[in-house]
Amino acid sequence: MLTVTDDKKVSEMTVKELKELIMEVVQEAIDPDFGYELRDDFIESLKEAENDIKAGRVYTLDEVKSELGL
């Protein structure tokens, strides 16, 4: 993450700082979650889900629809 202060003017930035700022703004526009870290409990749930998939504990969309009567 860029460490430029909010009150710094573009004219006071180095070329490197300006490029970093532009890249950060573009990344934030493309990915609104940019810069956030995943919580440990979420990472654990992803690992559990991956283990379920490997163990075959999954359902197809058709199976779910059938179970719900859709």
C-alpha atoms as a PDB file:
ATOM      1  CA  MET A   1       0.000   0.000   0.000  1.00  0.00           C
ATOM      2  CA  LEU A   2       1.073   3.505  -0.749  1.00  0.00           C
ATOM      3  CA  THR A   3       2.071   5.706   2.174  1.00  0.00           C
ATOM      4  CA  VAL A   4       1.524   9.140   0.628  1.00  0.00           C
ATOM      5  CA  THR A   5      -0.298  11.494   2.985  1.00  0.00           C
ATOM      6  CA  ASP A   6      -3.664  12.902   1.952  1.00  0.00           C
ATOM      7  CA  ASP A   7      -2.409  16.470   2.072  1.00  0.00           C
ATOM      8  CA  LYS A   8       0.539  15.892  -0.265  1.00  0.00           C
ATOM      9  CA  LYS A   9       0.191  17.571  -3.631  1.00  0.00           C
ATOM     10  CA  VAL A  10       0.814  15.722  -6.868  1.00  0.00           C
ATOM     11  CA  SER A  11       3.475  18.311  -7.707  1.00  0.00           C
ATOM     12  CA  GLU A  12       5.342  17.239  -4.551  1.00  0.00           C
ATOM     13  CA  MET A  13       5.293  13.541  -5.440  1.00  0.00           C
ATOM     14  CA  THR A  14       8.115  11.661  -7.054  1.00  0.00           C
ATOM     15  CA  VAL A  15       7.427   9.867 -10.321  1.00  0.00           C
ATOM     16  CA  LYS A  16       7.559   6.569  -8.430  1.00  0.00           C
ATOM     17  CA  GLU A  17       5.003   7.770  -5.861  1.00  0.00           C
ATOM     18  CA  LEU A  18       2.685   9.010  -8.593  1.00  0.00           C
ATOM     19  CA  LYS A  19       2.899   5.695 -10.469  1.00  0.00           C
ATOM     20  CA  GLU A  20       2.184   3.790  -7.249  1.00  0.00           C
ATOM     21  CA  LEU A  21      -0.799   6.037  -6.536  1.00  0.00           C
ATOM     22  CA  ILE A  22      -2.199   5.513 -10.033  1.00  0.00           C
ATOM     23  CA  MET A  23      -1.765   1.721  -9.773  1.00  0.00           C
ATOM     24  CA  GLU A  24      -3.473   1.668  -6.377  1.00  0.00           C
ATOM     25  CA  VAL A  25      -6.427   3.707  -7.642  1.00  0.00           C
ATOM     26  CA  VAL A  26      -6.800   1.447 -10.685  1.00  0.00           C
ATOM     27  CA  GLN A  27      -6.628  -1.698  -8.514  1.00  0.00           C
ATOM     28  CA  GLU A  28      -9.240  -0.290  -6.126  1.00  0.00           C
ATOM     29  CA  ALA A  29     -11.525   0.543  -9.069  1.00  0.00           C
ATOM     30  CA  ILE A  30     -11.193  -2.959 -10.505  1.00  0.00           C
ATOM     31  CA  ASP A  31     -11.362  -4.826  -7.182  1.00  0.00           C
ATOM     32  CA  PRO A  32     -13.253  -3.122  -4.348  1.00  0.00           C
ATOM     33  CA  ASP A  33     -11.721  -5.645  -1.911  1.00  0.00           C
ATOM     34  CA  PHE A  34      -8.172  -4.625  -2.870  1.00  0.00           C
ATOM     35  CA  GLY A  35      -6.005  -4.183   0.189  1.00  0.00           C
ATOM     36  CA  TYR A  36      -8.182  -6.176   2.551  1.00  0.00           C
ATOM     37  CA  GLU A  37      -6.885  -9.306   4.241  1.00  0.00           C
ATOM     38  CA  LEU A  38      -8.838 -12.517   4.692  1.00  0.00           C
ATOM     39  CA  ARG A  39      -9.813 -13.346   8.265  1.00  0.00           C
ATOM     40  CA  ASP A  40      -8.422 -16.565   9.739  1.00  0.00           C
ATOM     41  CA  ASP A  41     -11.894 -18.065  10.186  1.00  0.00           C
ATOM     42  CA  PHE A  42     -12.702 -17.422   6.528  1.00  0.00           C
ATOM     43  CA  ILE A  43      -9.464 -19.066   5.409  1.00  0.00           C
ATOM     44  CA  GLU A  44     -10.339 -22.059   7.599  1.00  0.00           C
ATOM     45  CA  SER A  45     -13.815 -22.315   6.051  1.00  0.00           C
ATOM     46  CA  LEU A  46     -12.243 -22.283   2.578  1.00  0.00           C
ATOM     47  CA  LYS A  47      -9.963 -25.151   3.594  1.00  0.00           C
ATOM     48  CA  GLU A  48     -12.947 -27.088   4.959  1.00  0.00           C
ATOM     49  CA  ALA A  49     -14.869 -26.501   1.735  1.00  0.00           C
ATOM     50  CA  GLU A  50     -11.888 -27.729  -0.288  1.00  0.00           C
ATOM     51  CA  ASN A  51     -11.735 -30.877   1.867  1.00  0.00           C
ATOM     52  CA  ASP A  52     -15.485 -31.433   1.314  1.00  0.00           C
ATOM     53  CA  ILE A  53     -14.956 -31.227  -2.433  1.00  0.00           C
ATOM     54  CA  LYS A  54     -12.041 -33.660  -2.324  1.00  0.00           C
ATOM     55  CA  ALA A  55     -14.105 -36.079  -0.198  1.00  0.00           C
ATOM     56  CA  GLY A  56     -17.056 -35.882  -2.563  1.00  0.00           C
ATOM     57  CA  ARG A  57     -19.327 -34.142  -0.060  1.00  0.00           C
ATOM     58  CA  VAL A  58     -20.857 -31.914  -2.707  1.00  0.00           C
ATOM     59  CA  TYR A  59     -24.120 -31.722  -4.612  1.00  0.00           C
ATOM     60  CA  THR A  60     -24.758 -30.824  -8.220  1.00  0.00           C
ATOM     61  CA  LEU A  61     -27.132 -27.997  -9.031  1.00  0.00           C
ATOM     62  CA  ASP A  62     -29.601 -30.541 -10.396  1.00  0.00           C
ATOM     63  CA  GLU A  63     -29.504 -32.512  -7.127  1.00  0.00           C
ATOM     64  CA  VAL A  64     -30.196 -29.374  -5.093  1.00  0.00           C
ATOM     65  CA  LYS A  65     -33.022 -28.310  -7.401  1.00  0.00           C
ATOM     66  CA  SER A  66     -34.560 -31.774  -7.197  1.00  0.00           C
ATOM     67  CA  GLU A  67     -34.334 -31.797  -3.395  1.00  0.00           C
ATOM     68  CA  LEU A  68     -36.031 -28.388  -3.252  1.00  0.00           C
ATOM     69  CA  GLY A  69     -38.639 -29.375  -5.807  1.00  0.00           C
ATOM     70  CA  LEU A  70     -37.579 -26.787  -8.347  1.00  0.00           C
END
